[in-house]
Amino acid sequence: MKSRILIFVLLATFACKNDDEPVADDPEIFATRFFEEAAKRGITVPSQASIPITFVAGATIAPSAGSSTLDPPTVKISKEYWDSATPSHRELLIFHELGHAALRRIHCDERLPNCEYKSIMFHGTDWVYNEEGEKRDWYFDELFDPSTPYPAWGGTVPTIHTELPLGMIEEKAEWEYHVESGATQTGTKDEDILVSGEHSLAMHGATAGSGVAYWYLPKLLNTNDIPVGSTLTVSVKVKTNSLTGNGVWIWVLADPNVESGYSVTSDVYRIVKGTNDWIEISQKLHCYPGTHPNIMLFLGIDGTGTGDVWFDEIKVGYDH
């Protein structure tokens, strides 16, 4: 089973740099544009000089057009792809890879309500905007702030909600607890602190570690009843006590046994930490593809944090 931590350690799957004045096909021209856009928005990123961009043989990173690392931040570009790409595709590639290396963003395969990509951080090399215009401007805004409101051209958000009768979601006995890569939190099924039912799913961390800790359903949830093109929604009520780190997250993963799946995670949109009484958070997947009738659910926190969190009243449904 694929685990959430892999999403954070698997890096982008998408010459030689010199000290001469940049020319039209030099990646540094597009990198300079990226850092100018960051400065316009007051976003703090590493210096351009600290992130080397180098050409490599395409076969070394195939089937991707580029790859990147975080520590230290670096970017590698397929020379073959670069030589055949248009200026707009080159810009998209550099902004995507620097989205990883400079902004530390993970891949985002979400869609807008009209089924267009929500972000240039998607897997692959599809095209999403013209060289100039409102789409390009909006995708730049979203790159530097994933919580940017949907654009007017992105379609209408559905308003009618239907819950799926998936009783096993609320049956806490079905959920299992797991820690990875140095996380030290403990997981319990709490009979005292809850909203409804017999118990909540709790996590407690006295000391900071690393990695991630999470509750998950080991069984696949069947979503055949969700109409293609609607919006899959997962909601949960959360209570926190002195929670530090990167906060709470919901992760929705398509059946990992089926190729070309999807996953969406909530922590880049709303950070829930500190001390909060019961509040509801949710994650949406617009333009449900219908090609993956089963999903997995994960509820977790960053292993570097401390404090307590409780999850209760977990629901799956769709908006249409």
Protein backbone atom coordinates (compact mmCIF):
# COMPACT_ATOMS: atom_id res chain seq x y z
CA MET A 1 0.00 0.00 0.00
CA LYS A 2 1.25 3.42 -0.89
CA SER A 3 1.52 5.67 2.12
CA ARG A 4 1.11 9.36 2.47
CA ILE A 5 4.74 9.99 3.30
CA LEU A 6 5.69 8.85 -0.20
CA ILE A 7 3.77 11.79 -1.58
CA PHE A 8 6.18 14.07 0.23
CA VAL A 9 9.43 12.28 -0.62
CA LEU A 10 8.74 11.44 -4.23
CA LEU A 11 9.83 14.53 -6.08
CA ALA A 12 8.87 16.02 -9.42
CA THR A 13 8.72 13.81 -12.41
CA PHE A 14 8.53 16.37 -15.16
CA ALA A 15 22.75 23.02 -20.86
CA CYS A 16 24.74 23.02 -18.59
CA LYS A 17 24.32 26.26 -16.80
CA ASN A 18 27.07 28.80 -17.33
CA ASP A 19 27.98 32.23 -16.05
CA ASP A 20 27.55 34.00 -19.38
CA GLU A 21 24.74 36.44 -20.10
CA PRO A 22 21.49 34.42 -20.52
CA VAL A 23 20.30 33.78 -24.05
CA ALA A 24 16.79 33.04 -25.29
CA ASP A 25 16.95 29.32 -24.53
CA ASP A 26 18.61 29.67 -21.12
CA PRO A 27 16.47 28.27 -18.25
CA GLU A 28 17.68 31.11 -16.04
CA ILE A 29 15.52 33.55 -18.01
CA PHE A 30 12.41 31.68 -16.85
CA ALA A 31 13.85 31.19 -13.36
CA THR A 32 14.34 34.95 -13.06
CA ARG A 33 10.69 35.38 -14.01
CA PHE A 34 9.69 32.92 -11.25
CA PHE A 35 11.63 34.81 -8.58
CA GLU A 36 10.20 38.13 -9.79
CA GLU A 37 6.67 36.71 -9.44
CA ALA A 38 7.51 35.51 -5.92
CA ALA A 39 8.82 38.98 -4.99
CA LYS A 40 5.65 40.64 -6.33
CA ARG A 41 3.62 38.58 -3.87
CA GLY A 42 5.96 39.00 -0.91
CA ILE A 43 6.83 35.28 -0.91
CA THR A 44 10.14 34.36 0.74
CA VAL A 45 12.07 31.78 -1.25
CA PRO A 46 15.72 30.71 -1.46
CA SER A 47 17.89 32.90 -3.68
CA GLN A 48 17.99 32.13 -7.38
CA ALA A 49 21.74 31.53 -7.18
CA SER A 50 21.20 28.82 -4.54
CA ILE A 51 19.09 26.62 -6.84
CA PRO A 52 21.21 25.31 -9.72
CA ILE A 53 19.35 24.36 -12.91
CA THR A 54 21.20 21.89 -15.10
CA PHE A 55 20.52 19.99 -18.30
CA VAL A 56 20.71 16.19 -18.24
CA ALA A 57 20.18 13.47 -20.81
CA GLY A 58 16.44 12.79 -21.05
CA ALA A 59 16.93 9.09 -20.44
CA THR A 60 18.22 9.76 -16.93
CA ILE A 61 14.89 11.21 -15.77
CA ALA A 62 12.52 9.61 -18.30
CA PRO A 63 9.58 9.69 -18.69
CA SER A 64 9.71 13.09 -17.03
CA ALA A 65 10.76 16.40 -18.54
CA GLY A 66 12.32 17.59 -15.30
CA SER A 67 13.09 16.61 -11.73
CA SER A 68 13.97 18.43 -8.54
CA THR A 69 15.26 17.95 -5.01
CA LEU A 70 14.55 19.87 -1.81
CA ASP A 71 17.61 19.57 0.42
CA PRO A 72 19.61 21.00 -1.21
CA PRO A 73 17.22 22.53 -3.76
CA THR A 74 18.21 21.62 -7.31
CA VAL A 75 16.49 21.31 -10.70
CA LYS A 76 17.36 19.02 -13.61
CA ILE A 77 15.87 19.45 -17.08
CA SER A 78 15.76 16.99 -19.98
CA LYS A 79 17.88 18.55 -22.74
CA GLU A 80 15.89 16.74 -25.41
CA TYR A 81 12.58 18.02 -24.07
CA TRP A 82 13.90 21.55 -23.68
CA ASP A 83 15.21 21.73 -27.24
CA SER A 84 11.81 20.77 -28.66
CA ALA A 85 9.62 22.79 -26.26
CA THR A 86 7.98 26.14 -26.99
CA PRO A 87 8.83 29.13 -24.78
CA SER A 88 5.51 28.70 -22.98
CA HIS A 89 6.19 25.04 -22.22
CA ARG A 90 9.65 25.95 -21.00
CA GLU A 91 8.18 28.52 -18.66
CA LEU A 92 5.66 26.02 -17.30
CA LEU A 93 8.37 23.42 -16.73
CA ILE A 94 10.69 25.80 -14.86
CA PHE A 95 7.86 27.20 -12.74
CA HIS A 96 6.70 23.65 -11.95
CA GLU A 97 10.13 22.43 -10.88
CA LEU A 98 10.83 25.57 -8.85
CA GLY A 99 7.42 25.03 -7.28
CA HIS A 100 8.97 21.91 -5.81
CA ALA A 101 12.51 23.14 -5.14
CA ALA A 102 11.80 26.71 -3.97
CA LEU A 103 8.21 26.53 -2.65
CA ARG A 104 8.39 22.91 -1.45
CA ARG A 105 5.03 22.16 -3.03
CA ILE A 106 4.01 18.58 -3.79
CA HIS A 107 2.18 17.44 -6.89
CA CYS A 108 -1.46 18.50 -7.17
CA ASP A 109 -3.70 16.62 -9.61
CA GLU A 110 -6.90 18.35 -8.50
CA ARG A 111 -9.32 19.85 -10.99
CA LEU A 112 -11.39 22.99 -11.06
CA PRO A 113 -15.18 22.55 -11.22
CA ASN A 114 -14.97 22.80 -15.03
CA CYS A 115 -12.45 19.90 -15.02
CA GLU A 116 -9.41 21.97 -15.97
CA TYR A 117 -6.28 21.51 -13.86
CA LYS A 118 -6.31 23.47 -10.61
CA SER A 119 -2.56 23.95 -10.54
CA ILE A 120 0.55 23.82 -12.70
CA MET A 121 1.87 21.38 -10.08
CA PHE A 122 0.08 18.46 -11.76
CA HIS A 123 1.88 15.33 -12.94
CA GLY A 124 2.88 15.42 -16.59
CA THR A 125 3.52 18.02 -19.27
CA ASP A 126 0.00 18.92 -20.42
CA TRP A 127 -0.67 22.55 -21.28
CA VAL A 128 -2.91 24.69 -19.09
CA TYR A 129 -2.62 28.34 -20.13
CA ASN A 130 -1.72 30.64 -23.00
CA GLU A 131 1.42 32.77 -22.92
CA GLU A 132 -0.49 35.80 -21.70
CA GLY A 133 -3.90 36.42 -20.16
CA GLU A 134 -6.03 35.73 -17.12
CA LYS A 135 -5.41 31.99 -17.00
CA ARG A 136 -1.65 32.44 -16.80
CA ASP A 137 -2.03 35.11 -14.13
CA TRP A 138 -4.37 32.92 -12.06
CA TYR A 139 -2.11 29.86 -12.28
CA PHE A 140 0.79 31.98 -11.07
CA ASP A 141 -1.34 33.20 -8.14
CA GLU A 142 -2.30 29.60 -7.28
CA LEU A 143 1.32 28.43 -7.48
CA PHE A 144 2.36 30.86 -4.76
CA ASP A 145 -0.87 30.50 -2.75
CA PRO A 146 -2.80 27.20 -3.11
CA SER A 147 -5.79 28.73 -1.29
CA THR A 148 -6.36 31.27 -4.08
CA PRO A 149 -10.14 31.41 -4.78
CA TYR A 150 -11.34 29.64 -7.90
CA PRO A 151 -11.36 31.83 -11.01
CA ALA A 152 -14.60 32.85 -12.73
CA TRP A 153 -13.60 30.84 -15.80
CA GLY A 154 -13.10 27.72 -13.66
CA GLY A 155 -16.76 26.72 -13.55
CA THR A 156 -19.48 26.73 -10.90
CA VAL A 157 -19.03 24.89 -7.62
CA PRO A 158 -21.88 22.35 -7.13
CA THR A 159 -24.31 23.15 -4.31
CA ILE A 160 -26.49 20.02 -3.82
CA HIS A 161 -24.91 17.57 -1.38
CA THR A 162 -25.63 13.83 -1.07
CA GLU A 163 -24.01 11.62 1.56
CA LEU A 164 -23.05 8.06 0.76
CA PRO A 165 -24.36 5.29 3.05
CA LEU A 166 -20.91 4.00 3.97
CA GLY A 167 -21.41 2.78 7.52
CA MET A 168 -17.89 1.41 7.88
CA ILE A 169 -16.48 4.95 7.83
CA GLU A 170 -18.12 5.73 11.16
CA GLU A 171 -17.37 2.29 12.56
CA LYS A 172 -14.16 3.19 14.36
CA ALA A 173 -13.25 -0.47 14.83
CA GLU A 174 -12.42 -0.55 11.11
CA TRP A 175 -9.77 2.18 11.37
CA GLU A 176 -6.09 1.36 11.98
CA TYR A 177 -3.28 3.54 13.33
CA HIS A 178 0.15 3.86 11.73
CA VAL A 179 3.35 5.89 12.14
CA GLU A 180 6.18 6.31 9.65
CA SER A 181 9.74 7.58 9.41
CA GLY A 182 10.33 8.51 13.04
CA ALA A 183 6.90 9.75 14.13
CA THR A 184 6.39 9.31 17.89
CA GLN A 185 2.67 10.02 18.33
CA THR A 186 0.43 7.37 19.83
CA GLY A 187 -3.06 6.54 18.59
CA THR A 188 -6.04 5.64 20.76
CA LYS A 189 -9.79 5.19 20.38
CA ASP A 190 -11.10 7.67 22.92
CA GLU A 191 -14.41 6.89 24.66
CA ASP A 192 -14.46 10.15 26.63
CA ILE A 193 -13.77 12.91 24.10
CA LEU A 194 -16.10 12.57 21.12
CA VAL A 195 -19.00 14.14 19.25
CA SER A 196 -21.18 11.06 18.78
CA GLY A 197 -20.99 7.29 18.63
CA GLU A 198 -18.85 5.14 20.89
CA HIS A 199 -15.43 6.78 20.53
CA SER A 200 -13.28 9.15 18.49
CA LEU A 201 -9.93 8.53 16.78
CA ALA A 202 -7.27 10.26 18.87
CA MET A 203 -3.56 11.02 18.42
CA HIS A 204 -1.19 12.21 21.16
CA GLY A 205 2.36 13.52 20.81
CA ALA A 206 4.49 14.48 23.82
CA THR A 207 7.75 14.85 21.90
CA ALA A 208 8.50 15.97 18.35
CA GLY A 209 9.77 13.39 15.91
CA SER A 210 9.71 13.20 12.11
CA GLY A 211 7.68 11.57 9.37
CA VAL A 212 3.90 11.29 9.70
CA ALA A 213 1.30 9.64 11.93
CA TYR A 214 -2.19 8.77 10.75
CA TRP A 215 -5.39 6.77 11.05
CA TYR A 216 -6.53 5.00 7.89
CA LEU A 217 -9.17 2.66 6.58
CA PRO A 218 -7.42 -0.47 5.31
CA LYS A 219 -10.50 -1.36 3.27
CA LEU A 220 -11.28 0.35 -0.03
CA LEU A 221 -14.46 2.43 -0.06
CA ASN A 222 -16.70 1.84 -3.06
CA THR A 223 -17.71 5.11 -4.72
CA ASN A 224 -19.61 3.72 -7.70
CA ASP A 225 -22.65 5.78 -6.67
CA ILE A 226 -20.83 9.08 -7.26
CA PRO A 227 -21.79 10.50 -10.69
CA VAL A 228 -18.91 11.26 -13.06
CA GLY A 229 -18.12 14.98 -13.06
CA SER A 230 -19.51 15.67 -9.59
CA THR A 231 -17.43 16.73 -6.56
CA LEU A 232 -16.29 14.05 -4.12
CA THR A 233 -16.30 15.40 -0.57
CA VAL A 234 -14.78 14.01 2.61
CA SER A 235 -15.53 15.80 5.88
CA VAL A 236 -14.51 15.17 9.48
CA LYS A 237 -14.92 16.94 12.80
CA VAL A 238 -11.63 17.73 14.53
CA LYS A 239 -10.66 18.84 18.04
CA THR A 240 -7.07 19.87 18.86
CA ASN A 241 -5.12 20.65 22.00
CA SER A 242 -1.81 22.58 21.79
CA LEU A 243 -1.11 20.99 18.41
CA THR A 244 2.13 22.16 16.79
CA GLY A 245 3.81 21.35 13.49
CA ASN A 246 2.00 21.54 10.17
CA GLY A 247 -1.44 20.71 11.51
CA VAL A 248 -4.14 18.20 10.63
CA TRP A 249 -4.69 16.72 7.18
CA ILE A 250 -7.20 14.63 5.27
CA TRP A 251 -5.83 12.53 2.44
CA VAL A 252 -8.01 10.90 -0.22
CA LEU A 253 -6.24 8.34 -2.38
CA ALA A 254 -7.62 6.49 -5.39
CA ASP A 255 -7.24 2.72 -5.39
CA PRO A 256 -3.42 2.31 -5.40
CA ASN A 257 -3.81 -0.93 -7.37
CA VAL A 258 -5.14 0.99 -10.38
CA GLU A 259 -2.75 2.99 -12.56
CA SER A 260 -3.16 6.71 -13.28
CA GLY A 261 -4.89 7.35 -9.98
CA TYR A 262 -5.33 10.59 -8.08
CA SER A 263 -4.88 11.91 -4.59
CA VAL A 264 -5.85 15.12 -2.82
CA THR A 265 -4.78 16.41 0.56
CA SER A 266 -6.24 19.20 2.67
CA ASP A 267 -3.31 20.59 4.64
CA VAL A 268 -2.15 23.05 1.97
CA TYR A 269 -5.48 24.87 2.11
CA ARG A 270 -6.32 25.21 5.78
CA ILE A 271 -3.87 24.73 8.62
CA VAL A 272 -5.61 23.43 11.75
CA LYS A 273 -3.36 23.48 14.80
CA GLY A 274 -3.17 25.06 18.23
CA THR A 275 -6.22 24.52 20.46
CA ASN A 276 -9.67 24.25 18.87
CA ASP A 277 -13.00 22.88 20.00
CA TRP A 278 -14.77 20.63 17.52
CA ILE A 279 -14.65 22.15 14.03
CA GLU A 280 -15.43 20.56 10.67
CA ILE A 281 -12.84 20.39 7.92
CA SER A 282 -13.29 18.89 4.48
CA GLN A 283 -11.49 17.94 1.31
CA LYS A 284 -13.05 18.10 -2.14
CA LEU A 285 -12.13 16.44 -5.42
CA HIS A 286 -13.83 18.33 -8.25
CA CYS A 287 -14.72 16.66 -11.53
CA TYR A 288 -14.82 13.13 -10.14
CA PRO A 289 -13.40 10.92 -12.92
CA GLY A 290 -15.39 7.75 -12.26
CA THR A 291 -12.45 5.64 -13.46
CA HIS A 292 -11.47 4.55 -9.95
CA PRO A 293 -14.51 3.16 -8.11
CA ASN A 294 -12.59 2.66 -4.86
CA ILE A 295 -10.79 5.13 -2.59
CA MET A 296 -8.75 5.05 0.62
CA LEU A 297 -9.01 7.58 3.46
CA PHE A 298 -6.26 8.83 5.77
CA LEU A 299 -6.50 11.25 8.73
CA GLY A 300 -3.22 12.42 10.16
CA ILE A 301 -0.70 14.95 11.40
CA ASP A 302 2.91 15.86 10.77
CA GLY A 303 5.30 13.79 12.89
CA THR A 304 7.36 16.88 13.77
CA GLY A 305 4.56 18.32 15.90
CA THR A 306 3.39 17.77 19.45
CA GLY A 307 -0.01 17.98 21.09
CA ASP A 308 -3.32 16.16 20.71
CA VAL A 309 -5.98 15.72 18.03
CA TRP A 310 -9.31 13.90 17.91
CA PHE A 311 -11.29 12.92 14.77
CA ASP A 312 -15.01 12.12 14.73
CA GLU A 313 -18.08 12.06 12.47
CA ILE A 314 -16.24 11.16 9.26
CA LYS A 315 -18.43 11.39 6.17
CA VAL A 316 -18.09 10.86 2.42
CA GLY A 317 -20.49 12.27 -0.12
CA TYR A 318 -20.70 14.24 -3.34
CA ASP A 319 -21.84 17.65 -4.52
CA HIS A 320 -23.71 17.94 -7.81
